[in-house]
Amino acid sequence: MKTARYLPLLLCLCISQALADTPIQLRHDATSTARISIGNVAGTVNVTAWDRNEVQVSGRLGDGAKPLAVTGTDDNLQIKVEPQGGPGWFNWGGDSKMAPTTLELHVPRAASLDVDVVSAPLVIDGMDGGSIQVNTVSGKARINARTPSLKVDSVSGGIEQAGQAGQAELKTVSGEILAPALGHEVELQTISGRIQASGGPWRKLTLSTVSGDVQLSGALAPAGSIGIDSMSGDVQLQLPAATSASLHASSFSGDLRSDFGTPKEPEHGPGSSLDVRLGDGTGKINIETFSGDLRVRKRD
């Protein structure tokens, strides 16, 4: 009798578990340079490149999500996790009712990616040739790719970049930026996150931070420019000894030290500044901090 009494409850639990753990097995033909859009609210997204002209999706679909499908044409595909009964992906009420979804994707190596995630950590590995654009709220984005253009916009999730990005635009509010392989044109921006980056030779690099500390190392291209602006974050810039540029560095109340020339302090008031010509002076380097310490180091 007791078994019969609890049987409906056990059946409900089994059905609930099945809905929350729906396996995903999808595939779609794709061109080698297809543009692929991916969206997920919570869970994980892992994208791995391969040498096939098709997209394969596996993983587990969270309870409360619509059945997943790969839509679009062979050169423009969409894979987006959406709530049941919702008008769109950013239907916040519907999103809150969805359990986390795990997406494991294999895509053509030279494809371009547009990825939107909220609290889903993201890994992109092995891409070579296409552009990559990522928008994330709190999930960390780890990207290992050779790409002509990389754009990542994050709120509290960190950004880790590897491979080679010809043009890179990496922005966070509080997440850190770790980027050891930046190409010729770079824009880095954070409020309170730490930035540690290197690469070049840079034709143009701009970096801004409010309170995040910065460690930057790299070479300047002929007639290239570097512009760094910090409010209270400490900045350390390391340059090759053979750098050719006009260098201006200043700090209102922070400590300024340089291996290139001697900083000067005003007769009255705080602060210090440095103006020096390096090599033939064809490039331009401008670094300004308000209260953060500033170090300009020479790399042998």
Protein backbone atom coordinates (compact mmCIF):
# COMPACT_ATOMS: atom_id res chain seq x y z
CA MET A 1 0.00 0.00 0.00
CA LYS A 2 2.81 2.42 0.87
CA THR A 3 4.50 1.69 -2.47
CA ALA A 4 1.29 2.48 -4.36
CA ARG A 5 0.87 5.70 -2.38
CA TYR A 6 4.36 7.00 -3.27
CA LEU A 7 4.39 5.75 -6.88
CA PRO A 8 2.86 8.98 -8.38
CA LEU A 9 5.47 11.07 -6.55
CA LEU A 10 8.30 8.88 -7.82
CA LEU A 11 6.96 9.14 -11.37
CA CYS A 12 6.83 12.94 -11.11
CA LEU A 13 10.42 13.05 -9.89
CA CYS A 14 11.57 10.83 -12.73
CA ILE A 15 9.75 12.94 -15.32
CA SER A 16 11.17 16.14 -13.82
CA GLN A 17 14.70 14.72 -13.93
CA ALA A 18 14.24 13.66 -17.55
CA LEU A 19 13.07 17.14 -18.56
CA ALA A 20 15.98 18.77 -16.75
CA ASP A 21 18.52 16.51 -18.42
CA THR A 22 17.49 16.42 -22.08
CA PRO A 23 20.40 15.37 -24.30
CA ILE A 24 21.25 17.48 -27.36
CA GLN A 25 22.38 15.89 -30.63
CA LEU A 26 22.15 18.24 -33.62
CA ARG A 27 24.07 18.83 -36.82
CA HIS A 28 23.83 21.15 -39.82
CA ASP A 29 25.89 21.59 -42.98
CA ALA A 30 27.92 24.82 -43.04
CA THR A 31 30.28 26.61 -45.37
CA SER A 32 33.91 26.82 -44.28
CA THR A 33 33.56 30.55 -43.54
CA ALA A 34 30.02 30.55 -42.15
CA ARG A 35 28.85 33.10 -39.58
CA ILE A 36 27.52 31.29 -36.52
CA SER A 37 25.46 32.96 -33.78
CA ILE A 38 25.29 31.27 -30.38
CA GLY A 39 23.21 32.27 -27.36
CA ASN A 40 22.88 30.79 -23.87
CA VAL A 41 21.70 32.29 -20.58
CA ALA A 42 23.06 29.92 -17.94
CA GLY A 43 25.24 26.81 -18.00
CA THR A 44 28.33 26.56 -20.21
CA VAL A 45 29.30 27.10 -23.85
CA ASN A 46 32.32 25.30 -25.33
CA VAL A 47 33.19 25.92 -28.99
CA THR A 48 35.87 23.78 -30.63
CA ALA A 49 37.11 24.20 -34.21
CA TRP A 50 37.39 21.27 -36.57
CA ASP A 51 38.14 20.63 -40.25
CA ARG A 52 34.61 19.75 -41.34
CA ASN A 53 32.06 21.88 -43.18
CA GLU A 54 29.35 21.24 -40.63
CA VAL A 55 28.20 22.35 -37.20
CA GLN A 56 27.62 19.75 -34.53
CA VAL A 57 25.90 20.52 -31.22
CA SER A 58 25.75 18.24 -28.20
CA GLY A 59 25.27 18.71 -24.47
CA ARG A 60 22.25 18.95 -22.16
CA LEU A 61 19.23 21.22 -22.50
CA GLY A 62 17.97 22.78 -19.28
CA ASP A 63 14.41 22.37 -18.08
CA GLY A 64 12.15 25.24 -19.15
CA ALA A 65 13.92 25.82 -22.49
CA LYS A 66 12.38 25.41 -25.92
CA PRO A 67 13.58 22.42 -27.97
CA LEU A 68 16.91 23.48 -29.46
CA ALA A 69 17.42 23.74 -33.21
CA VAL A 70 20.13 24.88 -35.61
CA THR A 71 18.43 27.40 -37.87
CA GLY A 72 19.45 29.51 -40.88
CA THR A 73 21.38 28.77 -44.04
CA ASP A 74 24.70 27.00 -44.51
CA ASP A 75 26.59 30.31 -44.40
CA ASN A 76 24.58 31.95 -41.59
CA LEU A 77 23.54 29.71 -38.68
CA GLN A 78 21.90 30.35 -35.30
CA ILE A 79 21.94 28.19 -32.16
CA LYS A 80 20.12 29.93 -29.31
CA VAL A 81 18.68 28.65 -26.04
CA GLU A 82 15.29 30.31 -25.47
CA PRO A 83 12.64 30.00 -22.72
CA GLN A 84 9.42 28.18 -23.42
CA GLY A 85 6.58 30.56 -24.25
CA GLY A 86 8.87 33.62 -24.29
CA PRO A 87 8.95 36.20 -27.07
CA GLY A 88 12.74 36.20 -27.33
CA TRP A 89 16.07 35.25 -25.83
CA PHE A 90 16.26 38.24 -23.49
CA ASN A 91 12.87 37.58 -21.96
CA TRP A 92 14.15 37.90 -18.38
CA GLY A 93 11.05 36.43 -16.76
CA GLY A 94 11.26 33.35 -18.93
CA ASP A 95 15.03 33.13 -18.55
CA SER A 96 14.72 32.85 -14.77
CA LYS A 97 12.62 29.71 -15.16
CA MET A 98 15.20 27.88 -17.27
CA ALA A 99 17.66 25.44 -15.76
CA PRO A 100 21.30 25.70 -16.96
CA THR A 101 22.08 24.37 -20.44
CA THR A 102 25.39 22.87 -21.51
CA LEU A 103 26.35 23.47 -25.14
CA GLU A 104 29.25 21.61 -26.76
CA LEU A 105 29.78 22.82 -30.32
CA HIS A 106 32.11 21.82 -33.14
CA VAL A 107 32.29 24.39 -35.94
CA PRO A 108 34.37 24.97 -39.10
CA ARG A 109 37.80 26.33 -38.21
CA ALA A 110 37.55 29.48 -40.37
CA ALA A 111 34.00 30.37 -39.31
CA SER A 112 33.07 33.71 -37.70
CA LEU A 113 31.37 33.67 -34.29
CA ASP A 114 28.84 35.92 -32.56
CA VAL A 115 28.29 34.70 -28.99
CA ASP A 116 25.87 36.09 -26.38
CA VAL A 117 25.92 34.63 -22.86
CA VAL A 118 24.73 35.87 -19.48
CA SER A 119 26.11 33.70 -16.68
CA ALA A 120 27.46 30.92 -18.86
CA PRO A 121 31.27 30.49 -18.91
CA LEU A 122 32.58 30.44 -22.47
CA VAL A 123 35.53 28.62 -24.06
CA ILE A 124 36.48 29.07 -27.73
CA ASP A 125 39.39 26.97 -28.95
CA GLY A 126 41.22 26.50 -32.25
CA MET A 127 39.45 29.04 -34.50
CA ASP A 128 41.60 30.31 -37.37
CA GLY A 129 40.57 33.03 -39.82
CA GLY A 130 37.12 34.33 -38.92
CA SER A 131 36.10 37.26 -36.72
CA ILE A 132 34.89 36.68 -33.15
CA GLN A 133 32.47 38.83 -31.17
CA VAL A 134 31.39 38.03 -27.60
CA ASN A 135 28.97 39.68 -25.19
CA THR A 136 28.88 38.32 -21.64
CA VAL A 137 27.57 39.46 -18.27
CA SER A 138 29.19 37.33 -15.58
CA GLY A 139 30.68 34.30 -17.30
CA LYS A 140 34.43 34.15 -17.91
CA ALA A 141 35.41 34.14 -21.60
CA ARG A 142 38.49 32.12 -22.60
CA ILE A 143 39.41 32.50 -26.27
CA ASN A 144 42.29 30.72 -28.01
CA ALA A 145 42.13 31.72 -31.67
CA ARG A 146 43.90 33.27 -34.63
CA THR A 147 41.49 35.96 -35.72
CA PRO A 148 41.67 39.23 -37.66
CA SER A 149 39.12 40.80 -35.30
CA LEU A 150 38.26 40.01 -31.69
CA LYS A 151 35.66 41.99 -29.73
CA VAL A 152 34.67 41.03 -26.18
CA ASP A 153 32.35 43.07 -23.98
CA SER A 154 31.98 41.84 -20.40
CA VAL A 155 30.49 43.14 -17.15
CA SER A 156 31.94 41.05 -14.32
CA GLY A 157 33.32 38.11 -16.24
CA GLY A 158 37.04 37.93 -16.92
CA ILE A 159 38.58 37.77 -20.41
CA GLU A 160 41.48 35.44 -21.25
CA GLN A 161 42.88 35.71 -24.79
CA ALA A 162 45.48 33.51 -26.48
CA GLY A 163 46.51 32.80 -30.06
CA GLN A 164 46.71 35.98 -32.15
CA ALA A 165 44.20 38.82 -32.56
CA GLY A 166 45.05 41.32 -35.31
CA GLN A 167 42.50 43.85 -34.05
CA ALA A 168 41.30 43.46 -30.48
CA GLU A 169 38.68 45.37 -28.52
CA LEU A 170 38.40 44.00 -24.98
CA LYS A 171 36.17 45.74 -22.43
CA THR A 172 35.14 44.84 -18.88
CA VAL A 173 33.62 46.57 -15.87
CA SER A 174 35.09 44.51 -13.02
CA GLY A 175 36.50 41.44 -14.75
CA GLU A 176 40.22 41.11 -15.41
CA ILE A 177 41.78 41.09 -18.89
CA LEU A 178 44.64 38.68 -19.60
CA ALA A 179 45.82 39.07 -23.20
CA PRO A 180 49.38 37.95 -24.07
CA ALA A 181 48.97 37.85 -27.87
CA LEU A 182 47.55 41.17 -29.07
CA GLY A 183 48.09 42.30 -32.65
CA HIS A 184 48.48 45.63 -34.43
CA GLU A 185 45.40 47.57 -33.29
CA VAL A 186 44.16 47.29 -29.71
CA GLU A 187 41.60 48.89 -27.42
CA LEU A 188 41.52 47.80 -23.77
CA GLN A 189 39.06 49.21 -21.26
CA THR A 190 38.14 48.39 -17.66
CA ILE A 191 36.72 50.07 -14.56
CA SER A 192 38.17 48.02 -11.72
CA GLY A 193 39.53 44.90 -13.39
CA ARG A 194 43.24 44.16 -13.69
CA ILE A 195 44.82 44.29 -17.16
CA GLN A 196 47.86 42.21 -18.08
CA ALA A 197 48.63 42.34 -21.79
CA SER A 198 51.46 42.10 -24.33
CA GLY A 199 52.02 41.80 -28.07
CA GLY A 200 52.49 44.14 -30.99
CA PRO A 201 54.16 45.74 -32.79
CA TRP A 202 51.28 48.16 -32.22
CA ARG A 203 50.17 50.62 -34.87
CA LYS A 204 47.62 51.92 -32.37
CA LEU A 205 46.93 50.93 -28.79
CA THR A 206 44.54 52.70 -26.42
CA LEU A 207 43.98 51.67 -22.82
CA SER A 208 41.83 53.19 -20.11
CA THR A 209 41.21 52.13 -16.50
CA VAL A 210 39.68 53.71 -13.43
CA SER A 211 41.02 51.68 -10.51
CA GLY A 212 42.35 48.52 -12.17
CA ASP A 213 46.12 48.00 -12.24
CA VAL A 214 47.86 47.63 -15.62
CA GLN A 215 50.89 45.63 -16.76
CA LEU A 216 51.61 46.16 -20.45
CA SER A 217 54.55 44.93 -22.50
CA GLY A 218 55.13 45.21 -26.23
CA ALA A 219 56.73 46.96 -29.18
CA LEU A 220 55.61 50.01 -31.12
CA ALA A 221 55.30 49.84 -34.92
CA PRO A 222 56.99 52.59 -36.97
CA ALA A 223 54.96 55.80 -36.48
CA GLY A 224 52.61 53.91 -34.16
CA SER A 225 50.89 55.31 -31.09
CA ILE A 226 50.16 54.21 -27.52
CA GLY A 227 47.71 56.07 -25.30
CA ILE A 228 47.14 55.06 -21.66
CA ASP A 229 44.82 56.79 -19.20
CA SER A 230 44.35 55.77 -15.55
CA MET A 231 42.56 57.33 -12.60
CA SER A 232 43.83 55.45 -9.53
CA GLY A 233 45.15 52.22 -11.01
CA ASP A 234 48.92 51.64 -11.10
CA VAL A 235 50.44 51.40 -14.59
CA GLN A 236 53.61 49.62 -15.71
CA LEU A 237 54.65 49.82 -19.37
CA GLN A 238 57.61 47.83 -20.65
CA LEU A 239 59.17 48.85 -24.00
CA PRO A 240 62.13 47.62 -26.07
CA ALA A 241 65.30 49.65 -25.68
CA ALA A 242 65.22 50.47 -29.43
CA THR A 243 61.77 52.09 -29.29
CA SER A 244 61.36 55.14 -31.55
CA ALA A 245 58.78 57.65 -30.25
CA SER A 246 58.14 60.88 -28.42
CA LEU A 247 57.24 59.84 -24.88
CA HIS A 248 55.05 61.91 -22.58
CA ALA A 249 54.22 60.54 -19.12
CA SER A 250 52.61 62.34 -16.20
CA SER A 251 50.99 61.65 -12.84
CA PHE A 252 49.11 64.18 -10.72
CA SER A 253 49.76 62.58 -7.34
CA GLY A 254 51.20 59.13 -8.07
CA ASP A 255 54.87 58.16 -8.16
CA LEU A 256 56.45 58.35 -11.65
CA ARG A 257 59.63 56.46 -12.52
CA SER A 258 61.17 55.78 -15.93
CA ASP A 259 64.16 54.00 -17.47
CA PHE A 260 63.86 56.47 -20.36
CA GLY A 261 64.87 59.90 -19.06
CA THR A 262 64.34 61.58 -15.69
CA PRO A 263 60.89 62.76 -14.55
CA LYS A 264 60.55 66.38 -13.42
CA GLU A 265 58.56 67.65 -10.47
CA PRO A 266 56.94 71.11 -10.42
CA GLU A 267 58.35 73.77 -8.13
CA HIS A 268 55.01 74.06 -6.38
CA GLY A 269 52.33 71.41 -5.97
CA PRO A 270 52.20 67.65 -6.47
CA GLY A 271 52.84 65.51 -9.50
CA SER A 272 55.62 64.79 -11.93
CA SER A 273 56.03 64.52 -15.69
CA LEU A 274 58.41 63.25 -18.34
CA ASP A 275 58.92 64.35 -21.93
CA VAL A 276 61.67 62.58 -23.85
CA ARG A 277 62.54 61.64 -27.44
CA LEU A 278 63.30 57.97 -28.02
CA GLY A 279 65.29 57.08 -31.14
CA ASP A 280 64.17 59.19 -34.09
CA GLY A 281 60.87 59.97 -32.39
CA THR A 282 58.56 58.78 -35.20
CA GLY A 283 55.99 57.19 -32.89
CA LYS A 284 53.95 58.68 -30.04
CA ILE A 285 53.45 57.41 -26.48
CA ASN A 286 51.21 59.26 -24.04
CA ILE A 287 50.60 57.96 -20.49
CA GLU A 288 48.64 59.83 -17.85
CA THR A 289 47.57 58.80 -14.35
CA PHE A 290 45.83 60.78 -11.64
CA SER A 291 46.76 59.05 -8.38
CA GLY A 292 48.11 55.76 -9.67
CA ASP A 293 51.84 55.03 -9.70
CA LEU A 294 53.50 54.94 -13.12
CA ARG A 295 56.51 52.89 -14.25
CA VAL A 296 58.08 52.97 -17.72
CA ARG A 297 60.56 50.11 -18.02
CA LYS A 298 63.21 49.28 -20.64
CA ARG A 299 63.25 45.77 -22.05
CA ASP A 300 66.57 44.47 -23.38
